[in-house]
Amino acid sequence: MSFCLDTYLQQSDNYEIHAARAGFKDCAMIIRFKAEEVVYVKPGDQVLGVRVIGIPPIPIGIDEKKGTVFIPYTKPCHGTSVVELPIDEEEINNIRKLNTK
């Protein structure tokens, strides 16, 4: 799956924003609190075709029951958001393979 997250958020209502215009550390804490499972990745790793940036290790939350992932989305000059997106099982497994811990 490769897409532009900005475009997806503009064209779909199938996502949830749990925090917006926040600091990265606050967003990381929200992901650890809300997700059933947390995978840690390195800055620059590709998640859903998008390179993630942030303070390492970067948490990516997985909710397998709902089929969603929580990702930190940092936009320069706007801060970091936590976005929950629906994904398929194959993408969940791809994210697990990136786990650094």
PDB file of N, CA and C in Angstrom:
ATOM      1  N   MET A   1       0.863  -1.174   0.000  1.00  0.00           N
ATOM      2  CA  MET A   1       0.000   0.000   0.000  1.00  0.00           C
ATOM      3  C   MET A   1       0.902   1.227   0.000  1.00  0.00           C
ATOM      4  N   SER A   2       0.768   2.052  -0.976  1.00  0.00           N
ATOM      5  CA  SER A   2       1.535   3.280  -1.043  1.00  0.00           C
ATOM      6  C   SER A   2       0.593   4.409  -1.416  1.00  0.00           C
ATOM      7  N   PHE A   3       0.579   5.441  -0.591  1.00  0.00           N
ATOM      8  CA  PHE A   3      -0.333   6.538  -0.864  1.00  0.00           C
ATOM      9  C   PHE A   3       0.158   7.803  -0.185  1.00  0.00           C
ATOM     10  N   CYS A   4      -0.450   8.905  -0.536  1.00  0.00           N
ATOM     11  CA  CYS A   4      -0.151  10.179   0.101  1.00  0.00           C
ATOM     12  C   CYS A   4      -1.136  10.353   1.253  1.00  0.00           C
ATOM     13  N   LEU A   5      -0.634  10.431   2.456  1.00  0.00           N
ATOM     14  CA  LEU A   5      -1.503  10.537   3.620  1.00  0.00           C
ATOM     15  C   LEU A   5      -2.336  11.806   3.587  1.00  0.00           C
ATOM     16  N   ASP A   6      -1.751  12.913   3.164  1.00  0.00           N
ATOM     17  CA  ASP A   6      -2.512  14.166   3.051  1.00  0.00           C
ATOM     18  C   ASP A   6      -3.733  13.985   2.150  1.00  0.00           C
ATOM     19  N   THR A   7      -3.527  13.370   0.992  1.00  0.00           N
ATOM     20  CA  THR A   7      -4.622  13.153   0.045  1.00  0.00           C
ATOM     21  C   THR A   7      -5.668  12.224   0.646  1.00  0.00           C
ATOM     22  N   TYR A   8      -5.210  11.164   1.299  1.00  0.00           N
ATOM     23  CA  TYR A   8      -6.145  10.218   1.916  1.00  0.00           C
ATOM     24  C   TYR A   8      -7.032  10.921   2.943  1.00  0.00           C
ATOM     25  N   LEU A   9      -6.428  11.745   3.789  1.00  0.00           N
ATOM     26  CA  LEU A   9      -7.193  12.438   4.829  1.00  0.00           C
ATOM     27  C   LEU A   9      -8.181  13.438   4.235  1.00  0.00           C
ATOM     28  N   GLN A  10      -7.857  13.999   3.086  1.00  0.00           N
ATOM     29  CA  GLN A  10      -8.754  14.953   2.433  1.00  0.00           C
ATOM     30  C   GLN A  10      -9.920  14.260   1.730  1.00  0.00           C
ATOM     31  N   GLN A  11      -9.687  13.048   1.228  1.00  0.00           N
ATOM     32  CA  GLN A  11     -10.683  12.393   0.384  1.00  0.00           C
ATOM     33  C   GLN A  11     -11.475  11.283   1.075  1.00  0.00           C
ATOM     34  N   SER A  12     -11.124  10.951   2.297  1.00  0.00           N
ATOM     35  CA  SER A  12     -11.788   9.847   2.978  1.00  0.00           C
ATOM     36  C   SER A  12     -12.247  10.285   4.365  1.00  0.00           C
ATOM     37  N   ASP A  13     -13.263   9.614   4.863  1.00  0.00           N
ATOM     38  CA  ASP A  13     -13.658   9.855   6.243  1.00  0.00           C
ATOM     39  C   ASP A  13     -13.446   8.586   7.073  1.00  0.00           C
ATOM     40  N   ASN A  14     -12.686   7.650   6.515  1.00  0.00           N
ATOM     41  CA  ASN A  14     -12.431   6.373   7.164  1.00  0.00           C
ATOM     42  C   ASN A  14     -11.119   6.425   7.955  1.00  0.00           C
ATOM     43  N   TYR A  15     -11.036   7.351   8.897  1.00  0.00           N
ATOM     44  CA  TYR A  15      -9.872   7.490   9.762  1.00  0.00           C
ATOM     45  C   TYR A  15     -10.318   8.250  11.005  1.00  0.00           C
ATOM     46  N   GLU A  16      -9.457   8.228  12.006  1.00  0.00           N
ATOM     47  CA  GLU A  16      -9.737   8.998  13.216  1.00  0.00           C
ATOM     48  C   GLU A  16      -8.462   9.700  13.662  1.00  0.00           C
ATOM     49  N   ILE A  17      -8.578  10.960  14.003  1.00  0.00           N
ATOM     50  CA  ILE A  17      -7.446  11.718  14.523  1.00  0.00           C
ATOM     51  C   ILE A  17      -7.587  11.763  16.044  1.00  0.00           C
ATOM     52  N   HIS A  18      -6.584  11.231  16.742  1.00  0.00           N
ATOM     53  CA  HIS A  18      -6.620  11.164  18.203  1.00  0.00           C
ATOM     54  C   HIS A  18      -5.913  12.343  18.855  1.00  0.00           C
ATOM     55  N   ALA A  19      -5.071  13.020  18.119  1.00  0.00           N
ATOM     56  CA  ALA A  19      -4.387  14.216  18.610  1.00  0.00           C
ATOM     57  C   ALA A  19      -3.950  15.010  17.389  1.00  0.00           C
ATOM     58  N   ALA A  20      -3.914  16.322  17.535  1.00  0.00           N
ATOM     59  CA  ALA A  20      -3.489  17.173  16.424  1.00  0.00           C
ATOM     60  C   ALA A  20      -2.661  18.335  16.964  1.00  0.00           C
ATOM     61  N   ARG A  21      -1.706  18.757  16.149  1.00  0.00           N
ATOM     62  CA  ARG A  21      -0.843  19.896  16.497  1.00  0.00           C
ATOM     63  C   ARG A  21      -0.223  19.739  17.877  1.00  0.00           C
ATOM     64  N   ALA A  22       0.240  18.531  18.148  1.00  0.00           N
ATOM     65  CA  ALA A  22       0.833  18.218  19.447  1.00  0.00           C
ATOM     66  C   ALA A  22       2.337  17.989  19.285  1.00  0.00           C
ATOM     67  N   GLY A  23       2.998  17.817  20.390  1.00  0.00           N
ATOM     68  CA  GLY A  23       4.411  17.463  20.365  1.00  0.00           C
ATOM     69  C   GLY A  23       4.569  15.977  20.085  1.00  0.00           C
ATOM     70  N   PHE A  24       5.726  15.602  19.554  1.00  0.00           N
ATOM     71  CA  PHE A  24       5.943  14.198  19.199  1.00  0.00           C
ATOM     72  C   PHE A  24       5.871  13.292  20.420  1.00  0.00           C
ATOM     73  N   LYS A  25       6.468  13.706  21.530  1.00  0.00           N
ATOM     74  CA  LYS A  25       6.466  12.867  22.734  1.00  0.00           C
ATOM     75  C   LYS A  25       5.039  12.621  23.234  1.00  0.00           C
ATOM     76  N   ASP A  26       4.186  13.634  23.169  1.00  0.00           N
ATOM     77  CA  ASP A  26       2.789  13.458  23.576  1.00  0.00           C
ATOM     78  C   ASP A  26       2.081  12.464  22.665  1.00  0.00           C
ATOM     79  N   CYS A  27       2.336  12.557  21.376  1.00  0.00           N
ATOM     80  CA  CYS A  27       1.706  11.636  20.423  1.00  0.00           C
ATOM     81  C   CYS A  27       2.198  10.206  20.639  1.00  0.00           C
ATOM     82  N   ALA A  28       3.486  10.045  20.936  1.00  0.00           N
ATOM     83  CA  ALA A  28       4.022   8.713  21.208  1.00  0.00           C
ATOM     84  C   ALA A  28       3.335   8.108  22.429  1.00  0.00           C
ATOM     85  N   MET A  29       3.099   8.921  23.445  1.00  0.00           N
ATOM     86  CA  MET A  29       2.425   8.454  24.654  1.00  0.00           C
ATOM     87  C   MET A  29       0.980   8.029  24.349  1.00  0.00           C
ATOM     88  N   ILE A  30       0.284   8.785  23.506  1.00  0.00           N
ATOM     89  CA  ILE A  30      -1.090   8.452  23.125  1.00  0.00           C
ATOM     90  C   ILE A  30      -1.129   7.121  22.387  1.00  0.00           C
ATOM     91  N   ILE A  31      -0.188   6.907  21.487  1.00  0.00           N
ATOM     92  CA  ILE A  31      -0.134   5.644  20.741  1.00  0.00           C
ATOM     93  C   ILE A  31       0.077   4.479  21.700  1.00  0.00           C
ATOM     94  N   ARG A  32       1.028   4.608  22.624  1.00  0.00           N
ATOM     95  CA  ARG A  32       1.288   3.527  23.583  1.00  0.00           C
ATOM     96  C   ARG A  32       0.065   3.254  24.460  1.00  0.00           C
ATOM     97  N   PHE A  33      -0.711   4.269  24.777  1.00  0.00           N
ATOM     98  CA  PHE A  33      -1.882   4.128  25.633  1.00  0.00           C
ATOM     99  C   PHE A  33      -3.066   3.505  24.886  1.00  0.00           C
ATOM    100  N   LYS A  34      -3.298   3.892  23.654  1.00  0.00           N
ATOM    101  CA  LYS A  34      -4.509   3.486  22.922  1.00  0.00           C
ATOM    102  C   LYS A  34      -4.377   2.166  22.159  1.00  0.00           C
ATOM    103  N   ALA A  35      -3.179   1.808  21.754  1.00  0.00           N
ATOM    104  CA  ALA A  35      -3.006   0.624  20.899  1.00  0.00           C
ATOM    105  C   ALA A  35      -2.899  -0.659  21.714  1.00  0.00           C
ATOM    106  N   GLU A  36      -3.435  -1.727  21.163  1.00  0.00           N
ATOM    107  CA  GLU A  36      -3.310  -3.061  21.772  1.00  0.00           C
ATOM    108  C   GLU A  36      -1.857  -3.539  21.728  1.00  0.00           C
ATOM    109  N   GLU A  37      -1.203  -3.234  20.631  1.00  0.00           N
ATOM    110  CA  GLU A  37       0.172  -3.677  20.394  1.00  0.00           C
ATOM    111  C   GLU A  37       0.953  -2.490  19.852  1.00  0.00           C
ATOM    112  N   VAL A  38       2.199  -2.358  20.279  1.00  0.00           N
ATOM    113  CA  VAL A  38       3.037  -1.270  19.792  1.00  0.00           C
ATOM    114  C   VAL A  38       4.309  -1.851  19.192  1.00  0.00           C
ATOM    115  N   VAL A  39       4.612  -1.419  17.987  1.00  0.00           N
ATOM    116  CA  VAL A  39       5.834  -1.793  17.283  1.00  0.00           C
ATOM    117  C   VAL A  39       6.678  -0.534  17.182  1.00  0.00           C
ATOM    118  N   TYR A  40       7.972  -0.663  17.392  1.00  0.00           N
ATOM    119  CA  TYR A  40       8.864   0.501  17.325  1.00  0.00           C
ATOM    120  C   TYR A  40       9.700   0.426  16.059  1.00  0.00           C
ATOM    121  N   VAL A  41       9.738   1.527  15.319  1.00  0.00           N
ATOM    122  CA  VAL A  41      10.490   1.591  14.068  1.00  0.00           C
ATOM    123  C   VAL A  41      11.511   2.718  14.130  1.00  0.00           C
ATOM    124  N   LYS A  42      12.435   2.688  13.183  1.00  0.00           N
ATOM    125  CA  LYS A  42      13.460   3.726  13.097  1.00  0.00           C
ATOM    126  C   LYS A  42      12.967   4.886  12.229  1.00  0.00           C
ATOM    127  N   PRO A  43      13.440   6.095  12.492  1.00  0.00           N
ATOM    128  CA  PRO A  43      13.109   7.207  11.599  1.00  0.00           C
ATOM    129  C   PRO A  43      13.540   6.872  10.175  1.00  0.00           C
ATOM    130  N   GLY A  44      12.690   7.164   9.227  1.00  0.00           N
ATOM    131  CA  GLY A  44      12.991   6.881   7.824  1.00  0.00           C
ATOM    132  C   GLY A  44      12.416   5.572   7.327  1.00  0.00           C
ATOM    133  N   ASP A  45      12.007   4.680   8.259  1.00  0.00           N
ATOM    134  CA  ASP A  45      11.359   3.435   7.820  1.00  0.00           C
ATOM    135  C   ASP A  45      10.046   3.772   7.120  1.00  0.00           C
ATOM    136  N   GLN A  46       9.680   2.939   6.159  1.00  0.00           N
ATOM    137  CA  GLN A  46       8.425   3.160   5.433  1.00  0.00           C
ATOM    138  C   GLN A  46       7.292   2.383   6.080  1.00  0.00           C
ATOM    139  N   VAL A  47       6.253   3.101   6.452  1.00  0.00           N
ATOM    140  CA  VAL A  47       5.030   2.497   6.990  1.00  0.00           C
ATOM    141  C   VAL A  47       3.906   2.946   6.069  1.00  0.00           C
ATOM    142  N   LEU A  48       3.236   1.993   5.454  1.00  0.00           N
ATOM    143  CA  LEU A  48       2.173   2.283   4.480  1.00  0.00           C
ATOM    144  C   LEU A  48       2.697   3.125   3.316  1.00  0.00           C
ATOM    145  N   GLY A  49       3.946   2.932   2.960  1.00  0.00           N
ATOM    146  CA  GLY A  49       4.529   3.664   1.844  1.00  0.00           C
ATOM    147  C   GLY A  49       4.982   5.070   2.186  1.00  0.00           C
ATOM    148  N   VAL A  50       4.888   5.446   3.465  1.00  0.00           N
ATOM    149  CA  VAL A  50       5.278   6.788   3.897  1.00  0.00           C
ATOM    150  C   VAL A  50       6.447   6.660   4.857  1.00  0.00           C
ATOM    151  N   ARG A  51       7.486   7.457   4.671  1.00  0.00           N
ATOM    152  CA  ARG A  51       8.617   7.443   5.602  1.00  0.00           C
ATOM    153  C   ARG A  51       8.226   8.205   6.860  1.00  0.00           C
ATOM    154  N   VAL A  52       8.364   7.538   8.008  1.00  0.00           N
ATOM    155  CA  VAL A  52       8.002   8.174   9.271  1.00  0.00           C
ATOM    156  C   VAL A  52       9.198   8.947   9.827  1.00  0.00           C
ATOM    157  N   ILE A  53       8.888  10.082  10.456  1.00  0.00           N
ATOM    158  CA  ILE A  53       9.931  10.877  11.090  1.00  0.00           C
ATOM    159  C   ILE A  53       9.530  11.112  12.535  1.00  0.00           C
ATOM    160  N   GLY A  54      10.535  11.309  13.371  1.00  0.00           N
ATOM    161  CA  GLY A  54      10.269  11.559  14.775  1.00  0.00           C
ATOM    162  C   GLY A  54      11.453  11.155  15.626  1.00  0.00           C
ATOM    163  N   ILE A  55      11.243  11.182  16.925  1.00  0.00           N
ATOM    164  CA  ILE A  55      12.279  10.845  17.896  1.00  0.00           C
ATOM    165  C   ILE A  55      12.302   9.326  18.058  1.00  0.00           C
ATOM    166  N   PRO A  56      13.452   8.696  17.795  1.00  0.00           N
ATOM    167  CA  PRO A  56      13.507   7.237  17.869  1.00  0.00           C
ATOM    168  C   PRO A  56      13.467   6.741  19.319  1.00  0.00           C
ATOM    169  N   PRO A  57      12.942   5.531  19.515  1.00  0.00           N
ATOM    170  CA  PRO A  57      12.235   4.712  18.546  1.00  0.00           C
ATOM    171  C   PRO A  57      10.810   5.231  18.347  1.00  0.00           C
ATOM    172  N   ILE A  58      10.321   5.166  17.134  1.00  0.00           N
ATOM    173  CA  ILE A  58       9.001   5.708  16.785  1.00  0.00           C
ATOM    174  C   ILE A  58       7.943   4.617  16.990  1.00  0.00           C
ATOM    175  N   PRO A  59       6.946   4.874  17.850  1.00  0.00           N
ATOM    176  CA  PRO A  59       5.913   3.866  18.073  1.00  0.00           C
ATOM    177  C   PRO A  59       4.858   3.871  16.958  1.00  0.00           C
ATOM    178  N   ILE A  60       4.496   2.674  16.539  1.00  0.00           N
ATOM    179  CA  ILE A  60       3.384   2.474  15.608  1.00  0.00           C
ATOM    180  C   ILE A  60       2.428   1.532  16.330  1.00  0.00           C
ATOM    181  N   GLY A  61       1.197   1.968  16.526  1.00  0.00           N
ATOM    182  CA  GLY A  61       0.226   1.163  17.256  1.00  0.00           C
ATOM    183  C   GLY A  61      -0.581   0.290  16.322  1.00  0.00           C
ATOM    184  N   ILE A  62      -0.895  -0.907  16.783  1.00  0.00           N
ATOM    185  CA  ILE A  62      -1.693  -1.846  15.992  1.00  0.00           C
ATOM    186  C   ILE A  62      -2.888  -2.290  16.827  1.00  0.00           C
ATOM    187  N   ASP A  63      -4.065  -2.227  16.223  1.00  0.00           N
ATOM    188  CA  ASP A  63      -5.284  -2.776  16.821  1.00  0.00           C
ATOM    189  C   ASP A  63      -5.799  -3.823  15.848  1.00  0.00           C
ATOM    190  N   GLU A  64      -5.391  -5.055  16.081  1.00  0.00           N
ATOM    191  CA  GLU A  64      -5.702  -6.122  15.130  1.00  0.00           C
ATOM    192  C   GLU A  64      -7.197  -6.424  15.078  1.00  0.00           C
ATOM    193  N   LYS A  65      -7.895  -6.287  16.201  1.00  0.00           N
ATOM    194  CA  LYS A  65      -9.347  -6.554  16.220  1.00  0.00           C
ATOM    195  C   LYS A  65     -10.091  -5.606  15.280  1.00  0.00           C
ATOM    196  N   LYS A  66      -9.702  -4.333  15.315  1.00  0.00           N
ATOM    197  CA  LYS A  66     -10.345  -3.330  14.465  1.00  0.00           C
ATOM    198  C   LYS A  66      -9.734  -3.269  13.073  1.00  0.00           C
ATOM    199  N   GLY A  67      -8.544  -3.844  12.918  1.00  0.00           N
ATOM    200  CA  GLY A  67      -7.854  -3.774  11.631  1.00  0.00           C
ATOM    201  C   GLY A  67      -7.332  -2.381  11.339  1.00  0.00           C
ATOM    202  N   THR A  68      -6.801  -1.721  12.402  1.00  0.00           N
ATOM    203  CA  THR A  68      -6.301  -0.358  12.241  1.00  0.00           C
ATOM    204  C   THR A  68      -4.882  -0.227  12.759  1.00  0.00           C
ATOM    205  N   VAL A  69      -4.267   0.850  12.358  1.00  0.00           N
ATOM    206  CA  VAL A  69      -2.925   1.191  12.813  1.00  0.00           C
ATOM    207  C   VAL A  69      -2.936   2.651  13.261  1.00  0.00           C
ATOM    208  N   PHE A  70      -2.189   2.945  14.329  1.00  0.00           N
ATOM    209  CA  PHE A  70      -2.017   4.310  14.823  1.00  0.00           C
ATOM    210  C   PHE A  70      -0.626   4.770  14.404  1.00  0.00           C
ATOM    211  N   ILE A  71      -0.558   5.857  13.652  1.00  0.00           N
ATOM    212  CA  ILE A  71       0.756   6.356  13.250  1.00  0.00           C
ATOM    213  C   ILE A  71       0.910   7.817  13.655  1.00  0.00           C
ATOM    214  N   PRO A  72       2.144   8.182  14.020  1.00  0.00           N
ATOM    215  CA  PRO A  72       2.409   9.600  14.249  1.00  0.00           C
ATOM    216  C   PRO A  72       2.645  10.254  12.895  1.00  0.00           C
ATOM    217  N   TYR A  73       2.011  11.357  12.656  1.00  0.00           N
ATOM    218  CA  TYR A  73       2.128  12.061  11.381  1.00  0.00           C
ATOM    219  C   TYR A  73       2.629  13.467  11.672  1.00  0.00           C
ATOM    220  N   THR A  74       3.878  13.720  11.324  1.00  0.00           N
ATOM    221  CA  THR A  74       4.496  15.012  11.594  1.00  0.00           C
ATOM    222  C   THR A  74       4.503  15.854  10.331  1.00  0.00           C
ATOM    223  N   LYS A  75       3.976  17.036  10.455  1.00  0.00           N
ATOM    224  CA  LYS A  75       3.934  17.979   9.351  1.00  0.00           C
ATOM    225  C   LYS A  75       4.675  19.235   9.825  1.00  0.00           C
ATOM    226  N   PRO A  76       5.787  19.592   9.163  1.00  0.00           N
ATOM    227  CA  PRO A  76       6.550  20.763   9.595  1.00  0.00           C
ATOM    228  C   PRO A  76       5.656  21.998   9.756  1.00  0.00           C
ATOM    229  N   CYS A  77       5.899  22.732  10.794  1.00  0.00           N
ATOM    230  CA  CYS A  77       5.168  23.963  11.143  1.00  0.00           C
ATOM    231  C   CYS A  77       3.768  23.699  11.694  1.00  0.00           C
ATOM    232  N   HIS A  78       3.325  22.436  11.713  1.00  0.00           N
ATOM    233  CA  HIS A  78       1.992  22.122  12.206  1.00  0.00           C
ATOM    234  C   HIS A  78       2.018  21.141  13.374  1.00  0.00           C
ATOM    235  N   GLY A  79       3.170  20.603  13.689  1.00  0.00           N
ATOM    236  CA  GLY A  79       3.267  19.649  14.785  1.00  0.00           C
ATOM    237  C   GLY A  79       2.982  18.229  14.343  1.00  0.00           C
ATOM    238  N   THR A  80       2.732  17.384  15.336  1.00  0.00           N
ATOM    239  CA  THR A  80       2.498  15.961  15.093  1.00  0.00           C
ATOM    240  C   THR A  80       1.070  15.601  15.464  1.00  0.00           C
ATOM    241  N   SER A  81       0.500  14.687  14.694  1.00  0.00           N
ATOM    242  CA  SER A  81      -0.843  14.172  14.951  1.00  0.00           C
ATOM    243  C   SER A  81      -0.761  12.660  15.110  1.00  0.00           C
ATOM    244  N   VAL A  82      -1.749  12.088  15.776  1.00  0.00           N
ATOM    245  CA  VAL A  82      -1.899  10.636  15.821  1.00  0.00           C
ATOM    246  C   VAL A  82      -3.114  10.314  14.967  1.00  0.00           C
ATOM    247  N   VAL A  83      -2.880   9.527  13.909  1.00  0.00           N
ATOM    248  CA  VAL A  83      -3.942   9.172  12.977  1.00  0.00           C
ATOM    249  C   VAL A  83      -4.136   7.665  13.032  1.00  0.00           C
ATOM    250  N   GLU A  84      -5.395   7.246  13.171  1.00  0.00           N
ATOM    251  CA  GLU A  84      -5.745   5.827  13.144  1.00  0.00           C
ATOM    252  C   GLU A  84      -6.364   5.520  11.787  1.00  0.00           C
ATOM    253  N   LEU A  85      -5.748   4.581  11.070  1.00  0.00           N
ATOM    254  CA  LEU A  85      -6.169   4.238   9.710  1.00  0.00           C
ATOM    255  C   LEU A  85      -6.491   2.747   9.603  1.00  0.00           C
ATOM    256  N   PRO A  86      -7.478   2.390   8.786  1.00  0.00           N
ATOM    257  CA  PRO A  86      -7.732   0.966   8.542  1.00  0.00           C
ATOM    258  C   PRO A  86      -6.691   0.409   7.577  1.00  0.00           C
ATOM    259  N   ILE A  87      -6.203  -0.794   7.889  1.00  0.00           N
ATOM    260  CA  ILE A  87      -5.247  -1.452   6.992  1.00  0.00           C
ATOM    261  C   ILE A  87      -5.546  -2.944   6.971  1.00  0.00           C
ATOM    262  N   ASP A  88      -4.964  -3.646   5.996  1.00  0.00           N
ATOM    263  CA  ASP A  88      -5.192  -5.079   5.898  1.00  0.00           C
ATOM    264  C   ASP A  88      -4.119  -5.855   6.664  1.00  0.00           C
ATOM    265  N   GLU A  89      -4.361  -7.131   6.816  1.00  0.00           N
ATOM    266  CA  GLU A  89      -3.470  -8.004   7.596  1.00  0.00           C
ATOM    267  C   GLU A  89      -2.045  -8.030   7.041  1.00  0.00           C
ATOM    268  N   GLU A  90      -1.910  -7.975   5.731  1.00  0.00           N
ATOM    269  CA  GLU A  90      -0.583  -7.988   5.112  1.00  0.00           C
ATOM    270  C   GLU A  90       0.238  -6.775   5.550  1.00  0.00           C
ATOM    271  N   GLU A  91      -0.390  -5.601   5.588  1.00  0.00           N
ATOM    272  CA  GLU A  91       0.318  -4.395   6.030  1.00  0.00           C
ATOM    273  C   GLU A  91       0.674  -4.464   7.511  1.00  0.00           C
ATOM    274  N   ILE A  92      -0.211  -5.049   8.316  1.00  0.00           N
ATOM    275  CA  ILE A  92       0.108  -5.222   9.740  1.00  0.00           C
ATOM    276  C   ILE A  92       1.362  -6.078   9.882  1.00  0.00           C
ATOM    277  N   ASN A  93       1.446  -7.160   9.122  1.00  0.00           N
ATOM    278  CA  ASN A  93       2.629  -8.029   9.173  1.00  0.00           C
ATOM    279  C   ASN A  93       3.876  -7.304   8.682  1.00  0.00           C
ATOM    280  N   ASN A  94       3.737  -6.462   7.649  1.00  0.00           N
ATOM    281  CA  ASN A  94       4.882  -5.684   7.159  1.00  0.00           C
ATOM    282  C   ASN A  94       5.393  -4.736   8.234  1.00  0.00           C
ATOM    283  N   ILE A  95       4.486  -4.131   8.984  1.00  0.00           N
ATOM    284  CA  ILE A  95       4.887  -3.215  10.061  1.00  0.00           C
ATOM    285  C   ILE A  95       5.587  -4.000  11.171  1.00  0.00           C
ATOM    286  N   ARG A  96       5.074  -5.155  11.500  1.00  0.00           N
ATOM    287  CA  ARG A  96       5.710  -5.984  12.549  1.00  0.00           C
ATOM    288  C   ARG A  96       7.136  -6.347  12.184  1.00  0.00           C
ATOM    289  N   LYS A  97       7.407  -6.555  10.910  1.00  0.00           N
ATOM    290  CA  LYS A  97       8.761  -6.910  10.467  1.00  0.00           C
ATOM    291  C   LYS A  97       9.765  -5.777  10.708  1.00  0.00           C
ATOM    292  N   LEU A  98       9.274  -4.550  10.818  1.00  0.00           N
ATOM    293  CA  LEU A  98      10.157  -3.406  11.039  1.00  0.00           C
ATOM    294  C   LEU A  98      10.532  -3.212  12.505  1.00  0.00           C
ATOM    295  N   ASN A  99       9.912  -3.975  13.400  1.00  0.00           N
ATOM    296  CA  ASN A  99      10.090  -3.786  14.844  1.00  0.00           C
ATOM    297  C   ASN A  99      11.566  -3.813  15.239  1.00  0.00           C
ATOM    298  N   THR A 100      11.996  -2.791  15.962  1.00  0.00           N
ATOM    299  CA  THR A 100      13.398  -2.700  16.387  1.00  0.00           C
ATOM    300  C   THR A 100      13.611  -3.254  17.792  1.00  0.00           C
ATOM    301  N   LYS A 101      12.533  -3.503  18.525  1.00  0.00           N
ATOM    302  CA  LYS A 101      12.696  -3.996  19.912  1.00  0.00           C
ATOM    303  C   LYS A 101      12.423  -5.456  20.017  1.00  0.00           C
TER     304      LYS A 101
END
